[in-house]
Amino acid sequence: MAETQTMERHAAVSAAILAFIAARNPGMDRDAVTGATSLVTSDALDSIGVLDLMMDLGERFGFEIEEDAFDLAHFESVDALARYVDGKRHQA
């Protein structure tokens, strides 16, 4: 049961990230960004978009944006960022 809840939380965070990216890129094919998409090397977000995304996620999921939030490892993929955010929201 705990594993199911973890998967559901991760899916909710991933969905929020993908929705944010889709809203910022209305002409982008919906299948162009997946859980494996790098937020560092893809054109999904520019640097301002990354800042806006982190602010949105912090507000939405109730955690403070700290310096460690911008570690490149968190942006290796949508899934990596979702894991980071899910971990932070449960520390808050």
N, C-alpha and C. Protein backbone atom coordinates (compact mmCIF):
# COMPACT_ATOMS: atom_id res chain seq x y z
N MET A 1 0.82 -1.19 0.00
CA MET A 1 0.00 0.00 0.00
C MET A 1 0.87 1.26 0.00
N ALA A 2 1.92 1.29 0.80
CA ALA A 2 2.81 2.45 0.84
C ALA A 2 3.47 2.67 -0.52
N GLU A 3 3.81 1.59 -1.20
CA GLU A 3 4.42 1.70 -2.53
C GLU A 3 3.43 2.31 -3.52
N THR A 4 2.17 1.93 -3.41
CA THR A 4 1.14 2.48 -4.28
C THR A 4 0.99 3.98 -4.05
N GLN A 5 1.01 4.39 -2.79
CA GLN A 5 0.90 5.82 -2.46
C GLN A 5 2.10 6.59 -2.99
N THR A 6 3.28 6.01 -2.87
CA THR A 6 4.49 6.65 -3.39
C THR A 6 4.38 6.82 -4.90
N MET A 7 3.92 5.79 -5.58
CA MET A 7 3.77 5.86 -7.04
C MET A 7 2.73 6.91 -7.42
N GLU A 8 1.66 7.01 -6.67
CA GLU A 8 0.62 8.00 -6.96
C GLU A 8 1.14 9.42 -6.74
N ARG A 9 1.91 9.63 -5.66
CA ARG A 9 2.48 10.96 -5.41
C ARG A 9 3.45 11.33 -6.51
N HIS A 10 4.30 10.37 -6.91
CA HIS A 10 5.26 10.62 -7.98
C HIS A 10 4.52 10.96 -9.28
N ALA A 11 3.47 10.22 -9.57
CA ALA A 11 2.69 10.47 -10.78
C ALA A 11 2.06 11.86 -10.75
N ALA A 12 1.59 12.28 -9.58
CA ALA A 12 0.98 13.62 -9.46
C ALA A 12 2.01 14.71 -9.70
N VAL A 13 3.21 14.54 -9.16
CA VAL A 13 4.26 15.54 -9.36
C VAL A 13 4.69 15.54 -10.83
N SER A 14 4.88 14.37 -11.41
CA SER A 14 5.26 14.27 -12.83
C SER A 14 4.21 14.94 -13.71
N ALA A 15 2.95 14.70 -13.41
CA ALA A 15 1.87 15.31 -14.19
C ALA A 15 1.91 16.83 -14.08
N ALA A 16 2.19 17.34 -12.89
CA ALA A 16 2.28 18.80 -12.70
C ALA A 16 3.44 19.38 -13.51
N ILE A 17 4.57 18.68 -13.53
CA ILE A 17 5.74 19.15 -14.30
C ILE A 17 5.41 19.15 -15.78
N LEU A 18 4.84 18.05 -16.27
CA LEU A 18 4.49 17.95 -17.68
C LEU A 18 3.45 18.99 -18.08
N ALA A 19 2.48 19.26 -17.21
CA ALA A 19 1.45 20.27 -17.50
C ALA A 19 2.08 21.66 -17.57
N PHE A 20 3.02 21.95 -16.67
CA PHE A 20 3.72 23.23 -16.67
C PHE A 20 4.47 23.40 -18.00
N ILE A 21 5.20 22.37 -18.40
CA ILE A 21 5.97 22.43 -19.65
C ILE A 21 5.03 22.61 -20.84
N ALA A 22 3.92 21.89 -20.85
CA ALA A 22 2.96 22.01 -21.96
C ALA A 22 2.39 23.43 -22.03
N ALA A 23 2.11 24.02 -20.88
CA ALA A 23 1.57 25.38 -20.85
C ALA A 23 2.58 26.39 -21.35
N ARG A 24 3.87 26.16 -21.08
CA ARG A 24 4.92 27.08 -21.52
C ARG A 24 5.25 26.90 -23.00
N ASN A 25 4.89 25.75 -23.56
CA ASN A 25 5.22 25.43 -24.96
C ASN A 25 3.97 24.94 -25.68
N PRO A 26 3.01 25.83 -25.92
CA PRO A 26 1.72 25.38 -26.47
C PRO A 26 1.83 24.71 -27.84
N GLY A 27 2.86 24.98 -28.61
CA GLY A 27 3.00 24.35 -29.91
C GLY A 27 3.75 23.04 -29.89
N MET A 28 4.27 22.66 -28.74
CA MET A 28 5.07 21.44 -28.63
C MET A 28 4.17 20.21 -28.65
N ASP A 29 4.60 19.20 -29.37
CA ASP A 29 3.88 17.92 -29.41
C ASP A 29 3.84 17.34 -28.00
N ARG A 30 2.68 16.93 -27.55
CA ARG A 30 2.52 16.41 -26.18
C ARG A 30 3.42 15.21 -25.90
N ASP A 31 3.74 14.44 -26.93
CA ASP A 31 4.59 13.27 -26.75
C ASP A 31 6.08 13.60 -26.78
N ALA A 32 6.42 14.87 -27.00
CA ALA A 32 7.82 15.28 -27.10
C ALA A 32 8.52 15.27 -25.74
N VAL A 33 7.76 15.40 -24.67
CA VAL A 33 8.33 15.42 -23.32
C VAL A 33 7.73 14.26 -22.53
N THR A 34 8.61 13.43 -21.99
CA THR A 34 8.19 12.27 -21.20
C THR A 34 8.92 12.31 -19.86
N GLY A 35 8.70 11.30 -19.06
CA GLY A 35 9.38 11.20 -17.79
C GLY A 35 10.89 11.12 -17.93
N ALA A 36 11.35 10.62 -19.07
CA ALA A 36 12.79 10.47 -19.30
C ALA A 36 13.44 11.70 -19.92
N THR A 37 12.65 12.70 -20.29
CA THR A 37 13.18 13.89 -20.95
C THR A 37 14.07 14.70 -20.01
N SER A 38 15.26 15.03 -20.47
CA SER A 38 16.18 15.86 -19.70
C SER A 38 15.69 17.30 -19.73
N LEU A 39 15.68 17.92 -18.57
CA LEU A 39 15.33 19.33 -18.51
C LEU A 39 16.57 20.20 -18.65
N VAL A 40 17.74 19.56 -18.80
CA VAL A 40 19.00 20.27 -19.00
C VAL A 40 19.30 20.38 -20.49
N THR A 41 19.15 19.28 -21.22
CA THR A 41 19.57 19.27 -22.62
C THR A 41 18.43 19.43 -23.62
N SER A 42 17.19 19.30 -23.18
CA SER A 42 16.07 19.46 -24.12
C SER A 42 15.71 20.94 -24.23
N ASP A 43 14.83 21.23 -25.15
CA ASP A 43 14.34 22.60 -25.31
C ASP A 43 13.01 22.80 -24.58
N ALA A 44 12.70 21.92 -23.63
CA ALA A 44 11.42 21.99 -22.94
C ALA A 44 11.28 23.27 -22.13
N LEU A 45 12.37 23.72 -21.49
CA LEU A 45 12.35 24.94 -20.68
C LEU A 45 13.67 25.68 -20.83
N ASP A 46 13.58 27.01 -20.82
CA ASP A 46 14.81 27.81 -20.76
C ASP A 46 15.11 28.07 -19.28
N SER A 47 16.15 28.83 -18.98
CA SER A 47 16.55 29.03 -17.59
C SER A 47 15.47 29.73 -16.77
N ILE A 48 14.78 30.68 -17.37
CA ILE A 48 13.68 31.35 -16.66
C ILE A 48 12.54 30.36 -16.43
N GLY A 49 12.30 29.51 -17.40
CA GLY A 49 11.27 28.49 -17.26
C GLY A 49 11.55 27.54 -16.11
N VAL A 50 12.83 27.19 -15.92
CA VAL A 50 13.22 26.32 -14.81
C VAL A 50 12.94 27.02 -13.49
N LEU A 51 13.28 28.29 -13.39
CA LEU A 51 13.00 29.06 -12.16
C LEU A 51 11.50 29.12 -11.89
N ASP A 52 10.74 29.43 -12.93
CA ASP A 52 9.29 29.51 -12.79
C ASP A 52 8.70 28.15 -12.39
N LEU A 53 9.22 27.08 -12.99
CA LEU A 53 8.75 25.74 -12.66
C LEU A 53 9.00 25.43 -11.19
N MET A 54 10.19 25.73 -10.71
CA MET A 54 10.51 25.43 -9.32
C MET A 54 9.64 26.25 -8.37
N MET A 55 9.38 27.50 -8.70
CA MET A 55 8.50 28.33 -7.87
C MET A 55 7.08 27.74 -7.86
N ASP A 56 6.61 27.34 -9.02
CA ASP A 56 5.28 26.74 -9.14
C ASP A 56 5.19 25.46 -8.32
N LEU A 57 6.19 24.60 -8.43
CA LEU A 57 6.18 23.34 -7.70
C LEU A 57 6.26 23.56 -6.20
N GLY A 58 7.07 24.53 -5.78
CA GLY A 58 7.17 24.85 -4.36
C GLY A 58 5.84 25.31 -3.79
N GLU A 59 5.17 26.18 -4.52
CA GLU A 59 3.86 26.67 -4.07
C GLU A 59 2.81 25.56 -4.10
N ARG A 60 2.81 24.80 -5.17
CA ARG A 60 1.80 23.74 -5.35
C ARG A 60 1.94 22.63 -4.31
N PHE A 61 3.18 22.24 -4.02
CA PHE A 61 3.41 21.09 -3.15
C PHE A 61 3.93 21.47 -1.77
N GLY A 62 4.01 22.77 -1.48
CA GLY A 62 4.28 23.25 -0.13
C GLY A 62 5.67 23.00 0.42
N PHE A 63 6.68 23.33 -0.36
CA PHE A 63 8.04 23.23 0.17
C PHE A 63 8.83 24.47 -0.22
N GLU A 64 9.86 24.76 0.56
CA GLU A 64 10.72 25.91 0.32
C GLU A 64 11.77 25.57 -0.74
N ILE A 65 12.02 26.50 -1.63
CA ILE A 65 13.06 26.35 -2.65
C ILE A 65 14.39 26.72 -2.01
N GLU A 66 15.27 25.76 -1.90
CA GLU A 66 16.59 25.98 -1.32
C GLU A 66 17.64 25.84 -2.40
N GLU A 67 18.89 26.18 -2.06
CA GLU A 67 19.98 26.12 -3.04
C GLU A 67 20.11 24.74 -3.68
N ASP A 68 19.93 23.68 -2.89
CA ASP A 68 20.09 22.34 -3.44
C ASP A 68 19.06 22.01 -4.51
N ALA A 69 17.99 22.81 -4.59
CA ALA A 69 16.96 22.56 -5.59
C ALA A 69 17.49 22.68 -7.00
N PHE A 70 18.55 23.45 -7.18
CA PHE A 70 19.04 23.71 -8.53
C PHE A 70 20.26 22.86 -8.90
N ASP A 71 20.47 21.78 -8.16
CA ASP A 71 21.50 20.81 -8.51
C ASP A 71 21.11 20.19 -9.86
N LEU A 72 22.03 20.18 -10.82
CA LEU A 72 21.73 19.68 -12.15
C LEU A 72 21.21 18.24 -12.14
N ALA A 73 21.60 17.47 -11.15
CA ALA A 73 21.14 16.08 -11.07
C ALA A 73 19.61 16.00 -10.99
N HIS A 74 18.98 17.00 -10.38
CA HIS A 74 17.52 17.00 -10.26
C HIS A 74 16.84 17.25 -11.60
N PHE A 75 17.57 17.77 -12.56
CA PHE A 75 16.99 18.12 -13.85
C PHE A 75 17.41 17.16 -14.96
N GLU A 76 18.02 16.01 -14.58
CA GLU A 76 18.41 15.01 -15.58
C GLU A 76 17.20 14.48 -16.33
N SER A 77 16.06 14.47 -15.67
CA SER A 77 14.83 14.03 -16.32
C SER A 77 13.64 14.57 -15.53
N VAL A 78 12.48 14.51 -16.16
CA VAL A 78 11.25 14.89 -15.48
C VAL A 78 11.07 13.98 -14.26
N ASP A 79 11.34 12.68 -14.43
CA ASP A 79 11.21 11.74 -13.31
C ASP A 79 12.15 12.08 -12.16
N ALA A 80 13.40 12.47 -12.47
CA ALA A 80 14.35 12.84 -11.43
C ALA A 80 13.85 14.05 -10.64
N LEU A 81 13.32 15.03 -11.34
CA LEU A 81 12.79 16.21 -10.66
C LEU A 81 11.57 15.84 -9.82
N ALA A 82 10.72 14.96 -10.34
CA ALA A 82 9.54 14.53 -9.59
C ALA A 82 9.96 13.82 -8.30
N ARG A 83 11.00 12.99 -8.35
CA ARG A 83 11.48 12.32 -7.14
C ARG A 83 11.99 13.34 -6.13
N TYR A 84 12.75 14.33 -6.61
CA TYR A 84 13.26 15.38 -5.72
C TYR A 84 12.11 16.12 -5.04
N VAL A 85 11.14 16.57 -5.85
CA VAL A 85 10.02 17.34 -5.32
C VAL A 85 9.21 16.50 -4.33
N ASP A 86 8.96 15.24 -4.67
CA ASP A 86 8.20 14.38 -3.78
C ASP A 86 8.92 14.23 -2.44
N GLY A 87 10.24 14.09 -2.48
CA GLY A 87 11.02 14.00 -1.24
C GLY A 87 10.94 15.28 -0.43
N LYS A 88 11.04 16.43 -1.09
CA LYS A 88 10.99 17.72 -0.39
C LYS A 88 9.63 17.98 0.22
N ARG A 89 8.59 17.61 -0.47
CA ARG A 89 7.25 17.91 0.04
C ARG A 89 6.94 17.11 1.29
N HIS A 90 7.61 15.99 1.49
CA HIS A 90 7.37 15.20 2.69
C HIS A 90 8.29 15.59 3.83
N GLN A 91 9.28 16.44 3.54
CA GLN A 91 10.13 16.99 4.59
C GLN A 91 9.50 18.23 5.20
N ALA A 92 8.64 18.89 4.41
CA ALA A 92 8.03 20.15 4.85
C ALA A 92 7.05 19.97 5.98
